[in-house]
């Protein structure tokens, strides 16, 4: 079985449409085969979006899929600048179409294996990480997040309790020196770790 966190999925295309409403924002989204959660917006992603505080500055959506998290942030907070990256070329192509379809002016997307192609620093990094890729893949992403956050900036992630939420809390505490569960809902935990002011 092919995973959505590969660079170039070989699965035949199957474009679908999804409507997603959050607060007063209505997004019309394309999805495709070979991209995470192609049939509907993932419940964990939805909880993450709804749990975020008001954001400002520069935001990174790490592992963006078809862009629902980053596009929601960009649509809700027009003054932020959102960067959305994914290892999956097909996901990035769909995200670009979704940026254009929803006339989002404050977001960009491009292919990056983790942080490999990412430049700059961010006020917040948000992610629904590819847990099935394993700790050897996602834990280095948490470590790198610290380097790419501005002082006082925060990493926000969603993880299912049964997929290692407690060990993830321990990892984030070891990397950042802090980790807070800002929401627990439907078996999902929303975790926040902040880069301390130097």
C-alpha atoms as a PDB file:
ATOM      1  CA  UNK A   1       0.000   0.000   0.000  1.00  0.00           C
ATOM      2  CA  UNK A   2       1.285   3.437  -0.963  1.00  0.00           C
ATOM      3  CA  UNK A   3       1.542   6.063   1.777  1.00  0.00           C
ATOM      4  CA  UNK A   4       0.451   9.699   1.491  1.00  0.00           C
ATOM      5  CA  UNK A   5       3.839  10.810   2.860  1.00  0.00           C
ATOM      6  CA  UNK A   6       5.709   9.699  -0.272  1.00  0.00           C
ATOM      7  CA  UNK A   7       7.038  12.325  -2.687  1.00  0.00           C
ATOM      8  CA  UNK A   8       5.379  11.183  -5.900  1.00  0.00           C
ATOM      9  CA  UNK A   9       2.258   9.018  -5.437  1.00  0.00           C
ATOM     10  CA  UNK A  10       1.534   6.614  -8.299  1.00  0.00           C
ATOM     11  CA  UNK A  11      -2.118   6.080  -7.360  1.00  0.00           C
ATOM     12  CA  UNK A  12      -4.431   7.202 -10.195  1.00  0.00           C
ATOM     13  CA  UNK A  13      -5.888  10.687  -9.678  1.00  0.00           C
ATOM     14  CA  UNK A  14      -9.401  10.904  -8.244  1.00  0.00           C
ATOM     15  CA  UNK A  15     -10.302  14.563  -7.726  1.00  0.00           C
ATOM     16  CA  UNK A  16     -13.067  15.187  -5.191  1.00  0.00           C
ATOM     17  CA  UNK A  17     -14.704  18.270  -3.703  1.00  0.00           C
ATOM     18  CA  UNK A  18     -15.094  18.990   0.004  1.00  0.00           C
ATOM     19  CA  UNK A  19     -16.866  21.915   1.664  1.00  0.00           C
ATOM     20  CA  UNK A  20     -15.422  22.974   5.008  1.00  0.00           C
ATOM     21  CA  UNK A  21     -16.941  25.640   7.247  1.00  0.00           C
ATOM     22  CA  UNK A  22     -15.275  27.037  10.353  1.00  0.00           C
ATOM     23  CA  UNK A  23     -16.592  30.119  12.141  1.00  0.00           C
ATOM     24  CA  UNK A  24     -17.706  32.370   9.255  1.00  0.00           C
ATOM     25  CA  UNK A  25     -15.161  30.936   6.815  1.00  0.00           C
ATOM     26  CA  UNK A  26     -16.372  28.664   4.002  1.00  0.00           C
ATOM     27  CA  UNK A  27     -13.687  26.804   2.064  1.00  0.00           C
ATOM     28  CA  UNK A  28     -14.285  24.812  -1.107  1.00  0.00           C
ATOM     29  CA  UNK A  29     -11.489  22.269  -1.350  1.00  0.00           C
ATOM     30  CA  UNK A  30     -10.232  19.829  -3.931  1.00  0.00           C
ATOM     31  CA  UNK A  31      -8.786  16.538  -2.689  1.00  0.00           C
ATOM     32  CA  UNK A  32      -7.155  13.700  -4.593  1.00  0.00           C
ATOM     33  CA  UNK A  33      -6.149  10.071  -4.236  1.00  0.00           C
ATOM     34  CA  UNK A  34      -2.721   9.669  -2.680  1.00  0.00           C
ATOM     35  CA  UNK A  35      -3.325  12.624  -0.345  1.00  0.00           C
ATOM     36  CA  UNK A  36      -4.148  12.355   3.375  1.00  0.00           C
ATOM     37  CA  UNK A  37      -7.855  12.178   4.308  1.00  0.00           C
ATOM     38  CA  UNK A  38      -9.163  12.560   0.763  1.00  0.00           C
ATOM     39  CA  UNK A  39     -12.837  11.834   1.516  1.00  0.00           C
ATOM     40  CA  UNK A  40     -13.441  14.445   4.225  1.00  0.00           C
ATOM     41  CA  UNK A  41     -11.567  16.824   6.496  1.00  0.00           C
ATOM     42  CA  UNK A  42      -9.781  14.751   9.110  1.00  0.00           C
ATOM     43  CA  UNK A  43     -11.377  15.080  12.557  1.00  0.00           C
ATOM     44  CA  UNK A  44      -8.006  15.703  14.181  1.00  0.00           C
ATOM     45  CA  UNK A  45      -7.243  18.534  11.757  1.00  0.00           C
ATOM     46  CA  UNK A  46     -10.635  20.091  12.450  1.00  0.00           C
ATOM     47  CA  UNK A  47     -10.085  19.959  16.220  1.00  0.00           C
ATOM     48  CA  UNK A  48      -6.612  21.454  15.790  1.00  0.00           C
ATOM     49  CA  UNK A  49      -7.986  24.379  13.759  1.00  0.00           C
ATOM     50  CA  UNK A  50     -10.756  25.027  16.287  1.00  0.00           C
ATOM     51  CA  UNK A  51      -8.307  24.845  19.218  1.00  0.00           C
ATOM     52  CA  UNK A  52      -5.822  27.396  17.900  1.00  0.00           C
ATOM     53  CA  UNK A  53      -5.685  30.825  19.515  1.00  0.00           C
ATOM     54  CA  UNK A  54      -5.736  33.920  17.332  1.00  0.00           C
ATOM     55  CA  UNK A  55      -2.496  33.797  15.367  1.00  0.00           C
ATOM     56  CA  UNK A  56      -0.330  36.551  13.934  1.00  0.00           C
ATOM     57  CA  UNK A  57       2.848  36.967  11.946  1.00  0.00           C
ATOM     58  CA  UNK A  58       4.341  34.124   9.938  1.00  0.00           C
ATOM     59  CA  UNK A  59       2.807  30.643  10.160  1.00  0.00           C
ATOM     60  CA  UNK A  60       4.099  27.291   8.858  1.00  0.00           C
ATOM     61  CA  UNK A  61       1.722  24.411   8.103  1.00  0.00           C
ATOM     62  CA  UNK A  62       4.092  21.432   8.183  1.00  0.00           C
ATOM     63  CA  UNK A  63       2.787  18.427   6.220  1.00  0.00           C
ATOM     64  CA  UNK A  64      -0.110  20.400   4.784  1.00  0.00           C
ATOM     65  CA  UNK A  65      -1.901  17.695   2.782  1.00  0.00           C
ATOM     66  CA  UNK A  66      -4.481  19.502   0.619  1.00  0.00           C
ATOM     67  CA  UNK A  67      -4.130  22.582   2.800  1.00  0.00           C
ATOM     68  CA  UNK A  68      -7.141  22.684   5.097  1.00  0.00           C
ATOM     69  CA  UNK A  69      -5.231  23.787   8.224  1.00  0.00           C
ATOM     70  CA  UNK A  70      -3.133  26.471   6.547  1.00  0.00           C
ATOM     71  CA  UNK A  71      -5.998  27.748   4.390  1.00  0.00           C
ATOM     72  CA  UNK A  72      -8.261  27.980   7.437  1.00  0.00           C
ATOM     73  CA  UNK A  73      -5.639  30.036   9.278  1.00  0.00           C
ATOM     74  CA  UNK A  74      -5.048  32.256   6.230  1.00  0.00           C
ATOM     75  CA  UNK A  75      -8.775  32.783   5.738  1.00  0.00           C
ATOM     76  CA  UNK A  76      -9.543  33.477   9.394  1.00  0.00           C
ATOM     77  CA  UNK A  77      -6.560  35.803   9.916  1.00  0.00           C
ATOM     78  CA  UNK A  78      -5.943  37.823   6.731  1.00  0.00           C
ATOM     79  CA  UNK A  79      -2.946  39.649   8.229  1.00  0.00           C
ATOM     80  CA  UNK A  80      -0.874  36.496   8.773  1.00  0.00           C
ATOM     81  CA  UNK A  81       1.415  34.999   6.141  1.00  0.00           C
ATOM     82  CA  UNK A  82       1.003  31.224   5.834  1.00  0.00           C
ATOM     83  CA  UNK A  83       3.558  28.850   4.318  1.00  0.00           C
ATOM     84  CA  UNK A  84       2.323  25.310   3.602  1.00  0.00           C
ATOM     85  CA  UNK A  85       4.758  22.498   2.841  1.00  0.00           C
ATOM     86  CA  UNK A  86       4.472  18.774   2.191  1.00  0.00           C
ATOM     87  CA  UNK A  87       6.801  16.036   0.932  1.00  0.00           C
ATOM     88  CA  UNK A  88       3.988  14.934  -1.403  1.00  0.00           C
ATOM     89  CA  UNK A  89       4.065  16.737  -4.775  1.00  0.00           C
ATOM     90  CA  UNK A  90       0.427  15.844  -5.430  1.00  0.00           C
ATOM     91  CA  UNK A  91      -0.628  17.351  -2.092  1.00  0.00           C
ATOM     92  CA  UNK A  92       1.192  20.589  -2.914  1.00  0.00           C
ATOM     93  CA  UNK A  93      -0.388  20.722  -6.383  1.00  0.00           C
ATOM     94  CA  UNK A  94      -3.857  20.326  -4.861  1.00  0.00           C
ATOM     95  CA  UNK A  95      -3.069  22.905  -2.162  1.00  0.00           C
ATOM     96  CA  UNK A  96      -2.061  25.417  -4.853  1.00  0.00           C
ATOM     97  CA  UNK A  97      -5.363  24.821  -6.624  1.00  0.00           C
ATOM     98  CA  UNK A  98      -7.171  25.323  -3.316  1.00  0.00           C
ATOM     99  CA  UNK A  99      -5.333  28.612  -2.689  1.00  0.00           C
ATOM    100  CA  UNK A 100      -6.508  29.837  -6.093  1.00  0.00           C
ATOM    101  CA  UNK A 101     -10.022  28.405  -5.794  1.00  0.00           C
ATOM    102  CA  UNK A 102     -10.615  30.203  -2.484  1.00  0.00           C
ATOM    103  CA  UNK A 103      -8.809  33.394  -3.565  1.00  0.00           C
ATOM    104  CA  UNK A 104      -6.434  33.232  -0.611  1.00  0.00           C
ATOM    105  CA  UNK A 105      -3.834  35.984  -0.985  1.00  0.00           C
ATOM    106  CA  UNK A 106      -1.721  35.383   2.137  1.00  0.00           C
ATOM    107  CA  UNK A 107      -0.546  31.801   1.615  1.00  0.00           C
ATOM    108  CA  UNK A 108       2.085  29.964  -0.425  1.00  0.00           C
ATOM    109  CA  UNK A 109       2.836  26.261  -0.827  1.00  0.00           C
ATOM    110  CA  UNK A 110       5.791  24.219  -2.018  1.00  0.00           C
ATOM    111  CA  UNK A 111       7.354  20.771  -1.740  1.00  0.00           C
ATOM    112  CA  UNK A 112       9.656  20.171   1.206  1.00  0.00           C
ATOM    113  CA  UNK A 113      10.743  16.978   2.948  1.00  0.00           C
ATOM    114  CA  UNK A 114      10.208  18.258   6.462  1.00  0.00           C
ATOM    115  CA  UNK A 115      12.179  21.491   6.771  1.00  0.00           C
ATOM    116  CA  UNK A 116      14.638  20.746   3.935  1.00  0.00           C
ATOM    117  CA  UNK A 117      13.397  23.578   1.684  1.00  0.00           C
ATOM    118  CA  UNK A 118      12.007  25.869   4.403  1.00  0.00           C
ATOM    119  CA  UNK A 119      13.561  29.289   4.923  1.00  0.00           C
ATOM    120  CA  UNK A 120      12.931  31.882   7.609  1.00  0.00           C
ATOM    121  CA  UNK A 121      11.464  31.756  11.092  1.00  0.00           C
ATOM    122  CA  UNK A 122       7.881  31.499  12.236  1.00  0.00           C
ATOM    123  CA  UNK A 123       5.593  32.776  14.967  1.00  0.00           C
ATOM    124  CA  UNK A 124       3.769  29.440  14.924  1.00  0.00           C
ATOM    125  CA  UNK A 125       4.151  26.012  13.355  1.00  0.00           C
ATOM    126  CA  UNK A 126       1.038  23.849  13.038  1.00  0.00           C
ATOM    127  CA  UNK A 127       0.961  20.193  12.075  1.00  0.00           C
ATOM    128  CA  UNK A 128      -1.139  17.076  11.899  1.00  0.00           C
ATOM    129  CA  UNK A 129       2.004  14.932  11.711  1.00  0.00           C
ATOM    130  CA  UNK A 130       2.174  11.625   9.796  1.00  0.00           C
ATOM    131  CA  UNK A 131       2.153   9.431  12.909  1.00  0.00           C
ATOM    132  CA  UNK A 132       2.170   6.232  10.847  1.00  0.00           C
ATOM    133  CA  UNK A 133       5.563   7.236   9.450  1.00  0.00           C
ATOM    134  CA  UNK A 134       6.969   6.456  12.898  1.00  0.00           C
ATOM    135  CA  UNK A 135       8.828   8.267  15.650  1.00  0.00           C
ATOM    136  CA  UNK A 136      12.077   8.205  13.675  1.00  0.00           C
ATOM    137  CA  UNK A 137      10.364  10.507  11.153  1.00  0.00           C
ATOM    138  CA  UNK A 138       8.197  12.760  13.303  1.00  0.00           C
ATOM    139  CA  UNK A 139      10.453  13.300  16.332  1.00  0.00           C
ATOM    140  CA  UNK A 140      13.155  15.008  14.214  1.00  0.00           C
ATOM    141  CA  UNK A 141      10.395  17.313  12.912  1.00  0.00           C
ATOM    142  CA  UNK A 142       9.643  18.368  16.483  1.00  0.00           C
ATOM    143  CA  UNK A 143      13.343  18.988  17.108  1.00  0.00           C
ATOM    144  CA  UNK A 144      13.687  21.044  13.925  1.00  0.00           C
ATOM    145  CA  UNK A 145      10.570  23.039  14.806  1.00  0.00           C
ATOM    146  CA  UNK A 146      12.427  24.565  17.730  1.00  0.00           C
ATOM    147  CA  UNK A 147      15.075  25.912  15.343  1.00  0.00           C
ATOM    148  CA  UNK A 148      12.506  27.464  13.002  1.00  0.00           C
ATOM    149  CA  UNK A 149      10.356  29.164  15.640  1.00  0.00           C
ATOM    150  CA  UNK A 150      10.904  32.742  16.696  1.00  0.00           C
ATOM    151  CA  UNK A 151      11.423  33.220  20.454  1.00  0.00           C
ATOM    152  CA  UNK A 152       7.985  33.051  22.051  1.00  0.00           C
ATOM    153  CA  UNK A 153       6.622  31.159  19.044  1.00  0.00           C
ATOM    154  CA  UNK A 154       4.714  27.913  19.469  1.00  0.00           C
ATOM    155  CA  UNK A 155       4.373  24.506  17.853  1.00  0.00           C
ATOM    156  CA  UNK A 156       0.802  23.164  17.748  1.00  0.00           C
ATOM    157  CA  UNK A 157       0.178  19.530  16.843  1.00  0.00           C
ATOM    158  CA  UNK A 158      -2.692  17.069  16.957  1.00  0.00           C
ATOM    159  CA  UNK A 159      -2.221  13.430  17.897  1.00  0.00           C
ATOM    160  CA  UNK A 160      -4.558  10.614  18.831  1.00  0.00           C
ATOM    161  CA  UNK A 161      -4.219   9.478  22.425  1.00  0.00           C
ATOM    162  CA  UNK A 162      -3.965   5.841  21.294  1.00  0.00           C
ATOM    163  CA  UNK A 163      -1.185   6.682  18.807  1.00  0.00           C
ATOM    164  CA  UNK A 164       1.303   7.832  21.399  1.00  0.00           C
ATOM    165  CA  UNK A 165       0.089  11.138  22.826  1.00  0.00           C
ATOM    166  CA  UNK A 166       1.766  10.587  26.198  1.00  0.00           C
ATOM    167  CA  UNK A 167       5.165   9.708  24.737  1.00  0.00           C
ATOM    168  CA  UNK A 168       4.834  12.687  22.381  1.00  0.00           C
ATOM    169  CA  UNK A 169       4.250  14.969  25.374  1.00  0.00           C
ATOM    170  CA  UNK A 170       7.437  13.611  26.937  1.00  0.00           C
ATOM    171  CA  UNK A 171       9.368  14.185  23.701  1.00  0.00           C
ATOM    172  CA  UNK A 172       8.111  17.747  23.324  1.00  0.00           C
ATOM    173  CA  UNK A 173       8.942  18.482  26.952  1.00  0.00           C
ATOM    174  CA  UNK A 174      12.485  17.233  26.383  1.00  0.00           C
ATOM    175  CA  UNK A 175      12.876  19.392  23.244  1.00  0.00           C
ATOM    176  CA  UNK A 176      11.138  22.606  24.329  1.00  0.00           C
ATOM    177  CA  UNK A 177      11.195  22.348  28.117  1.00  0.00           C
ATOM    178  CA  UNK A 178       7.394  22.610  28.088  1.00  0.00           C
ATOM    179  CA  UNK A 179       4.295  21.003  26.610  1.00  0.00           C
ATOM    180  CA  UNK A 180       0.654  21.757  27.306  1.00  0.00           C
ATOM    181  CA  UNK A 181      -2.434  19.855  26.177  1.00  0.00           C
ATOM    182  CA  UNK A 182      -4.668  22.780  25.206  1.00  0.00           C
ATOM    183  CA  UNK A 183      -7.550  20.509  24.213  1.00  0.00           C
ATOM    184  CA  UNK A 184      -8.539  16.861  24.530  1.00  0.00           C
ATOM    185  CA  UNK A 185     -11.526  15.839  22.437  1.00  0.00           C
ATOM    186  CA  UNK A 186     -12.791  12.678  20.796  1.00  0.00           C
ATOM    187  CA  UNK A 187      -9.606  10.751  21.516  1.00  0.00           C
ATOM    188  CA  UNK A 188      -7.386  13.521  20.121  1.00  0.00           C
ATOM    189  CA  UNK A 189      -4.956  15.731  22.006  1.00  0.00           C
ATOM    190  CA  UNK A 190      -3.948  19.191  20.841  1.00  0.00           C
ATOM    191  CA  UNK A 191      -0.434  19.861  22.127  1.00  0.00           C
ATOM    192  CA  UNK A 192       1.365  23.196  22.380  1.00  0.00           C
ATOM    193  CA  UNK A 193       5.070  23.746  23.012  1.00  0.00           C
ATOM    194  CA  UNK A 194       6.606  27.218  23.086  1.00  0.00           C
ATOM    195  CA  UNK A 195      10.139  28.331  22.299  1.00  0.00           C
ATOM    196  CA  UNK A 196      11.188  30.185  25.394  1.00  0.00           C
ATOM    197  CA  UNK A 197      12.348  33.789  25.151  1.00  0.00           C
ATOM    198  CA  UNK A 198      16.135  33.871  25.270  1.00  0.00           C
END
